[in-house]
Amino acid sequence: MRPTYWLPPVLWMALITLLSSDMGSAAHTEHWLLPILRALAPWATSAQLEVLHFLARKGAHLSEYAVLAALWFRALARGRGLSPRAAAWIAFAISLGWAGLDEAHQSLVPARTASRADVAIDGAGALVALGVARLGWRGVAARATTLLLWAGLVGGGVFLFVNALAGVPSGVLWLTVPGAALLLLARHLFARRRLGRS
């Protein structure tokens, strides 16, 4: 297998190991993540910001192992020529095994704790990525992008309305909500233009 296939997942595994050190502890991530969350949700209480911080950290687990599984799937399916089914199973096994080793490593770091729940979240991230890979990246990515843009537009619009009623500043929502609307419009026009050409 050429390095262009196996090197990306190996480097990603190294990054996961680096993040499972003290550098990725909750005490460190709250220094830079809480100000961002505070800017995005200026109305949130300290307790709500802590919950958002917790959810962001769990979301990071989900996404980092989704990326790992996707990289191994690519390496095995394209680099080794395995069937998509075999590549998916092996990529899942590697990702889940690495999640277990990562949590074992964290149990040795004083500022970190090991958690079986985190291994389950990591495995779920890997399964999501492999499911998307088996169904086709472009179609799923296009649908997910549209869904996220609509969620940003509608959800952000609701937050703008509630904030206006409560007299709370909305910060970056004044940029993200119109941005989501413009991107949805651009995607719609682009799709119509492509259909007109075919």
C-alpha atoms as a PDB file:
ATOM      1  CA  MET A   1       0.000   0.000   0.000  1.00  0.00           C
ATOM      2  CA  ARG A   2       1.376   3.415  -0.965  1.00  0.00           C
ATOM      3  CA  PRO A   3       2.041   5.991   1.773  1.00  0.00           C
ATOM      4  CA  THR A   4      -0.658   8.260   0.317  1.00  0.00           C
ATOM      5  CA  TYR A   5      -3.187   5.712   1.623  1.00  0.00           C
ATOM      6  CA  TRP A   6      -1.784   4.514   4.962  1.00  0.00           C
ATOM      7  CA  LEU A   7      -0.037   7.692   6.113  1.00  0.00           C
ATOM      8  CA  PRO A   8      -3.170   9.864   6.656  1.00  0.00           C
ATOM      9  CA  PRO A   9      -4.849   7.423   9.087  1.00  0.00           C
ATOM     10  CA  VAL A  10      -1.574   6.810  10.929  1.00  0.00           C
ATOM     11  CA  LEU A  11      -0.988  10.564  11.305  1.00  0.00           C
ATOM     12  CA  TRP A  12      -4.592  10.987  12.478  1.00  0.00           C
ATOM     13  CA  MET A  13      -4.008   8.282  15.101  1.00  0.00           C
ATOM     14  CA  ALA A  14      -0.917  10.191  16.265  1.00  0.00           C
ATOM     15  CA  LEU A  15      -3.008  13.366  16.564  1.00  0.00           C
ATOM     16  CA  ILE A  16      -5.625  11.494  18.621  1.00  0.00           C
ATOM     17  CA  THR A  17      -2.848  10.285  20.934  1.00  0.00           C
ATOM     18  CA  LEU A  18      -1.556  13.836  21.299  1.00  0.00           C
ATOM     19  CA  LEU A  19      -5.045  15.101  22.136  1.00  0.00           C
ATOM     20  CA  SER A  20      -5.507  12.375  24.752  1.00  0.00           C
ATOM     21  CA  SER A  21      -2.616  13.842  26.729  1.00  0.00           C
ATOM     22  CA  ASP A  22      -2.988  16.621  29.297  1.00  0.00           C
ATOM     23  CA  MET A  23      -3.246  19.050  26.353  1.00  0.00           C
ATOM     24  CA  GLY A  24      -6.745  17.767  25.562  1.00  0.00           C
ATOM     25  CA  SER A  25      -8.050  17.765  29.127  1.00  0.00           C
ATOM     26  CA  ALA A  26     -11.256  19.603  30.013  1.00  0.00           C
ATOM     27  CA  ALA A  27      -9.241  22.087  32.059  1.00  0.00           C
ATOM     28  CA  HIS A  28      -7.262  23.069  28.963  1.00  0.00           C
ATOM     29  CA  THR A  29     -10.071  23.084  26.407  1.00  0.00           C
ATOM     30  CA  GLU A  30     -12.281  25.286  28.569  1.00  0.00           C
ATOM     31  CA  HIS A  31      -9.713  28.111  28.331  1.00  0.00           C
ATOM     32  CA  TRP A  32     -10.278  28.552  24.599  1.00  0.00           C
ATOM     33  CA  LEU A  33     -13.634  26.837  24.043  1.00  0.00           C
ATOM     34  CA  LEU A  34     -15.709  28.591  26.727  1.00  0.00           C
ATOM     35  CA  PRO A  35     -15.012  32.102  25.318  1.00  0.00           C
ATOM     36  CA  ILE A  36     -16.143  30.875  21.883  1.00  0.00           C
ATOM     37  CA  LEU A  37     -19.290  29.333  23.362  1.00  0.00           C
ATOM     38  CA  ARG A  38     -19.925  32.517  25.347  1.00  0.00           C
ATOM     39  CA  ALA A  39     -19.688  34.565  22.139  1.00  0.00           C
ATOM     40  CA  LEU A  40     -22.061  32.191  20.319  1.00  0.00           C
ATOM     41  CA  ALA A  41     -24.532  32.013  23.215  1.00  0.00           C
ATOM     42  CA  PRO A  42     -24.261  35.258  25.222  1.00  0.00           C
ATOM     43  CA  TRP A  43     -27.533  34.494  27.033  1.00  0.00           C
ATOM     44  CA  ALA A  44     -26.256  31.177  28.447  1.00  0.00           C
ATOM     45  CA  THR A  45     -25.603  30.795  32.145  1.00  0.00           C
ATOM     46  CA  SER A  46     -22.353  29.342  33.468  1.00  0.00           C
ATOM     47  CA  ALA A  47     -24.053  25.977  33.998  1.00  0.00           C
ATOM     48  CA  GLN A  48     -25.373  25.998  30.414  1.00  0.00           C
ATOM     49  CA  LEU A  49     -21.924  26.859  29.083  1.00  0.00           C
ATOM     50  CA  GLU A  50     -20.463  23.928  31.022  1.00  0.00           C
ATOM     51  CA  VAL A  51     -23.040  21.619  29.424  1.00  0.00           C
ATOM     52  CA  LEU A  52     -22.190  23.018  25.972  1.00  0.00           C
ATOM     53  CA  HIS A  53     -18.488  22.495  26.725  1.00  0.00           C
ATOM     54  CA  PHE A  54     -19.206  18.878  27.712  1.00  0.00           C
ATOM     55  CA  LEU A  55     -21.264  18.293  24.548  1.00  0.00           C
ATOM     56  CA  ALA A  56     -18.567  19.860  22.364  1.00  0.00           C
ATOM     57  CA  ARG A  57     -15.966  17.529  23.874  1.00  0.00           C
ATOM     58  CA  LYS A  58     -18.177  14.482  23.245  1.00  0.00           C
ATOM     59  CA  GLY A  59     -18.835  15.748  19.725  1.00  0.00           C
ATOM     60  CA  ALA A  60     -15.077  15.901  19.236  1.00  0.00           C
ATOM     61  CA  HIS A  61     -14.843  12.219  20.225  1.00  0.00           C
ATOM     62  CA  LEU A  62     -17.539  11.341  17.714  1.00  0.00           C
ATOM     63  CA  SER A  63     -15.972  13.314  14.880  1.00  0.00           C
ATOM     64  CA  GLU A  64     -12.327  12.355  15.434  1.00  0.00           C
ATOM     65  CA  TYR A  65     -13.183   8.647  15.230  1.00  0.00           C
ATOM     66  CA  ALA A  66     -15.487   9.216  12.273  1.00  0.00           C
ATOM     67  CA  VAL A  67     -12.512  10.743  10.473  1.00  0.00           C
ATOM     68  CA  LEU A  68     -10.247   7.880  11.570  1.00  0.00           C
ATOM     69  CA  ALA A  69     -12.661   5.212  10.301  1.00  0.00           C
ATOM     70  CA  ALA A  70     -13.135   7.081   7.017  1.00  0.00           C
ATOM     71  CA  LEU A  71      -9.383   7.352   6.493  1.00  0.00           C
ATOM     72  CA  TRP A  72      -8.856   3.640   7.187  1.00  0.00           C
ATOM     73  CA  PHE A  73     -11.788   2.748   4.940  1.00  0.00           C
ATOM     74  CA  ARG A  74     -10.206   4.731   2.102  1.00  0.00           C
ATOM     75  CA  ALA A  75      -6.808   3.168   2.735  1.00  0.00           C
ATOM     76  CA  LEU A  76      -8.171  -0.362   2.763  1.00  0.00           C
ATOM     77  CA  ALA A  77     -10.711  -0.044  -0.066  1.00  0.00           C
ATOM     78  CA  ARG A  78      -8.552   1.950  -2.475  1.00  0.00           C
ATOM     79  CA  GLY A  79      -5.042   1.229  -1.269  1.00  0.00           C
ATOM     80  CA  ARG A  80      -5.452  -2.514  -0.666  1.00  0.00           C
ATOM     81  CA  GLY A  81      -8.308  -3.143  -3.070  1.00  0.00           C
ATOM     82  CA  LEU A  82     -10.510  -4.790  -0.435  1.00  0.00           C
ATOM     83  CA  SER A  83     -14.244  -5.015  -0.959  1.00  0.00           C
ATOM     84  CA  PRO A  84     -16.185  -2.137   0.627  1.00  0.00           C
ATOM     85  CA  ARG A  85     -17.723  -4.547   3.136  1.00  0.00           C
ATOM     86  CA  ALA A  86     -14.371  -5.984   4.249  1.00  0.00           C
ATOM     87  CA  ALA A  87     -12.759  -2.530   4.311  1.00  0.00           C
ATOM     88  CA  ALA A  88     -15.596  -1.202   6.480  1.00  0.00           C
ATOM     89  CA  TRP A  89     -15.325  -4.038   9.010  1.00  0.00           C
ATOM     90  CA  ILE A  90     -11.551  -3.756   9.285  1.00  0.00           C
ATOM     91  CA  ALA A  91     -11.696   0.053   9.522  1.00  0.00           C
ATOM     92  CA  PHE A  92     -14.278  -0.258  12.290  1.00  0.00           C
ATOM     93  CA  ALA A  93     -12.163  -2.815  14.179  1.00  0.00           C
ATOM     94  CA  ILE A  94      -9.054  -0.602  13.937  1.00  0.00           C
ATOM     95  CA  SER A  95     -10.999   2.479  15.065  1.00  0.00           C
ATOM     96  CA  LEU A  96     -12.645   0.703  17.998  1.00  0.00           C
ATOM     97  CA  GLY A  97      -9.341  -0.871  19.027  1.00  0.00           C
ATOM     98  CA  TRP A  98      -7.636   2.521  18.900  1.00  0.00           C
ATOM     99  CA  ALA A  99     -10.459   4.023  20.970  1.00  0.00           C
ATOM    100  CA  GLY A 100      -9.863   1.395  23.664  1.00  0.00           C
ATOM    101  CA  LEU A 101      -6.107   1.997  23.628  1.00  0.00           C
ATOM    102  CA  ASP A 102      -6.688   5.753  23.738  1.00  0.00           C
ATOM    103  CA  GLU A 103      -8.860   5.461  26.834  1.00  0.00           C
ATOM    104  CA  ALA A 104      -6.279   3.162  28.452  1.00  0.00           C
ATOM    105  CA  HIS A 105      -3.654   5.818  27.729  1.00  0.00           C
ATOM    106  CA  GLN A 106      -5.875   8.494  29.287  1.00  0.00           C
ATOM    107  CA  SER A 107      -6.158   6.436  32.470  1.00  0.00           C
ATOM    108  CA  LEU A 108      -2.387   6.936  32.901  1.00  0.00           C
ATOM    109  CA  VAL A 109      -2.552  10.730  32.453  1.00  0.00           C
ATOM    110  CA  PRO A 110      -3.244  12.497  35.787  1.00  0.00           C
ATOM    111  CA  ALA A 111      -5.499  15.201  34.275  1.00  0.00           C
ATOM    112  CA  ARG A 112      -7.568  12.688  32.263  1.00  0.00           C
ATOM    113  CA  THR A 113      -9.932   9.831  33.021  1.00  0.00           C
ATOM    114  CA  ALA A 114     -10.786   6.719  31.046  1.00  0.00           C
ATOM    115  CA  SER A 115     -14.407   6.093  30.086  1.00  0.00           C
ATOM    116  CA  ARG A 116     -16.191   3.180  28.455  1.00  0.00           C
ATOM    117  CA  ALA A 117     -18.860   5.654  27.366  1.00  0.00           C
ATOM    118  CA  ASP A 118     -16.214   7.516  25.349  1.00  0.00           C
ATOM    119  CA  VAL A 119     -15.259   4.256  23.603  1.00  0.00           C
ATOM    120  CA  ALA A 120     -18.941   3.783  22.720  1.00  0.00           C
ATOM    121  CA  ILE A 121     -19.131   7.350  21.390  1.00  0.00           C
ATOM    122  CA  ASP A 122     -15.944   6.762  19.380  1.00  0.00           C
ATOM    123  CA  GLY A 123     -17.412   3.557  17.962  1.00  0.00           C
ATOM    124  CA  ALA A 124     -20.626   5.368  17.050  1.00  0.00           C
ATOM    125  CA  GLY A 125     -18.611   8.002  15.187  1.00  0.00           C
ATOM    126  CA  ALA A 126     -16.779   5.281  13.286  1.00  0.00           C
ATOM    127  CA  LEU A 127     -20.073   3.557  12.404  1.00  0.00           C
ATOM    128  CA  VAL A 128     -21.602   6.792  11.141  1.00  0.00           C
ATOM    129  CA  ALA A 129     -18.624   7.477   8.870  1.00  0.00           C
ATOM    130  CA  LEU A 130     -18.566   3.925   7.543  1.00  0.00           C
ATOM    131  CA  GLY A 131     -22.305   3.985   6.925  1.00  0.00           C
ATOM    132  CA  VAL A 132     -21.885   7.192   4.963  1.00  0.00           C
ATOM    133  CA  ALA A 133     -18.958   5.682   3.051  1.00  0.00           C
ATOM    134  CA  ARG A 134     -21.025   2.654   2.079  1.00  0.00           C
ATOM    135  CA  LEU A 135     -23.996   4.801   0.994  1.00  0.00           C
ATOM    136  CA  GLY A 136     -21.906   7.281  -0.963  1.00  0.00           C
ATOM    137  CA  TRP A 137     -20.192  10.387   0.331  1.00  0.00           C
ATOM    138  CA  ARG A 138     -21.515  12.926  -2.144  1.00  0.00           C
ATOM    139  CA  GLY A 139     -25.203  12.212  -1.750  1.00  0.00           C
ATOM    140  CA  VAL A 140     -25.053  12.005   2.043  1.00  0.00           C
ATOM    141  CA  ALA A 141     -22.810  15.073   2.282  1.00  0.00           C
ATOM    142  CA  ALA A 142     -25.155  17.085   0.062  1.00  0.00           C
ATOM    143  CA  ARG A 143     -28.211  16.092   2.111  1.00  0.00           C
ATOM    144  CA  ALA A 144     -26.428  16.691   5.416  1.00  0.00           C
ATOM    145  CA  THR A 145     -25.194  20.096   4.258  1.00  0.00           C
ATOM    146  CA  THR A 146     -28.699  21.127   3.245  1.00  0.00           C
ATOM    147  CA  LEU A 147     -30.121  19.850   6.529  1.00  0.00           C
ATOM    148  CA  LEU A 148     -27.483  21.702   8.574  1.00  0.00           C
ATOM    149  CA  LEU A 149     -28.028  24.928   6.644  1.00  0.00           C
ATOM    150  CA  TRP A 150     -31.782  24.714   7.222  1.00  0.00           C
ATOM    151  CA  ALA A 151     -31.165  23.984  10.916  1.00  0.00           C
ATOM    152  CA  GLY A 152     -28.852  26.999  11.100  1.00  0.00           C
ATOM    153  CA  LEU A 153     -31.375  29.216   9.341  1.00  0.00           C
ATOM    154  CA  VAL A 154     -34.470  28.129  11.258  1.00  0.00           C
ATOM    155  CA  GLY A 155     -32.783  27.536  14.621  1.00  0.00           C
ATOM    156  CA  GLY A 156     -30.756  30.722  14.358  1.00  0.00           C
ATOM    157  CA  GLY A 157     -33.856  32.658  13.348  1.00  0.00           C
ATOM    158  CA  VAL A 158     -35.684  31.366  16.419  1.00  0.00           C
ATOM    159  CA  PHE A 159     -32.744  32.382  18.639  1.00  0.00           C
ATOM    160  CA  LEU A 160     -32.668  35.848  17.040  1.00  0.00           C
ATOM    161  CA  PHE A 161     -36.385  36.253  17.723  1.00  0.00           C
ATOM    162  CA  VAL A 162     -36.137  35.017  21.328  1.00  0.00           C
ATOM    163  CA  ASN A 163     -33.076  37.179  21.973  1.00  0.00           C
ATOM    164  CA  ALA A 164     -34.852  40.230  20.552  1.00  0.00           C
ATOM    165  CA  LEU A 165     -37.833  39.612  22.861  1.00  0.00           C
ATOM    166  CA  ALA A 166     -35.546  39.117  25.854  1.00  0.00           C
ATOM    167  CA  GLY A 167     -33.352  42.097  24.977  1.00  0.00           C
ATOM    168  CA  VAL A 168     -30.253  39.910  24.806  1.00  0.00           C
ATOM    169  CA  PRO A 169     -27.565  40.586  22.174  1.00  0.00           C
ATOM    170  CA  SER A 170     -27.302  37.897  19.518  1.00  0.00           C
ATOM    171  CA  GLY A 171     -23.652  38.374  18.534  1.00  0.00           C
ATOM    172  CA  VAL A 172     -22.510  36.270  15.590  1.00  0.00           C
ATOM    173  CA  LEU A 173     -26.031  34.974  14.923  1.00  0.00           C
ATOM    174  CA  TRP A 174     -26.567  38.192  12.943  1.00  0.00           C
ATOM    175  CA  LEU A 175     -23.926  36.857  10.543  1.00  0.00           C
ATOM    176  CA  THR A 176     -24.585  33.107  10.596  1.00  0.00           C
ATOM    177  CA  VAL A 177     -28.344  33.222   9.970  1.00  0.00           C
ATOM    178  CA  PRO A 178     -28.126  35.371   6.805  1.00  0.00           C
ATOM    179  CA  GLY A 179     -25.057  33.333   5.800  1.00  0.00           C
ATOM    180  CA  ALA A 180     -27.081  30.114   6.011  1.00  0.00           C
ATOM    181  CA  ALA A 181     -29.876  31.719   3.954  1.00  0.00           C
ATOM    182  CA  LEU A 182     -27.435  32.871   1.264  1.00  0.00           C
ATOM    183  CA  LEU A 183     -25.781  29.446   1.078  1.00  0.00           C
ATOM    184  CA  LEU A 184     -29.154  27.714   0.750  1.00  0.00           C
ATOM    185  CA  LEU A 185     -30.123  30.101  -2.032  1.00  0.00           C
ATOM    186  CA  ALA A 186     -26.802  29.564  -3.813  1.00  0.00           C
ATOM    187  CA  ARG A 187     -27.164  25.765  -3.563  1.00  0.00           C
ATOM    188  CA  HIS A 188     -30.704  25.972  -4.953  1.00  0.00           C
ATOM    189  CA  LEU A 189     -29.648  28.163  -7.893  1.00  0.00           C
ATOM    190  CA  PHE A 190     -26.644  25.954  -8.617  1.00  0.00           C
ATOM    191  CA  ALA A 191     -28.830  22.815  -8.598  1.00  0.00           C
ATOM    192  CA  ARG A 192     -31.354  24.446 -10.970  1.00  0.00           C
ATOM    193  CA  ARG A 193     -28.587  25.534 -13.321  1.00  0.00           C
ATOM    194  CA  ARG A 194     -27.141  21.995 -13.378  1.00  0.00           C
ATOM    195  CA  LEU A 195     -30.560  20.517 -14.113  1.00  0.00           C
ATOM    196  CA  GLY A 196     -31.048  23.026 -16.924  1.00  0.00           C
ATOM    197  CA  ARG A 197     -27.780  21.916 -18.549  1.00  0.00           C
ATOM    198  CA  SER A 198     -28.609  18.215 -18.446  1.00  0.00           C
END
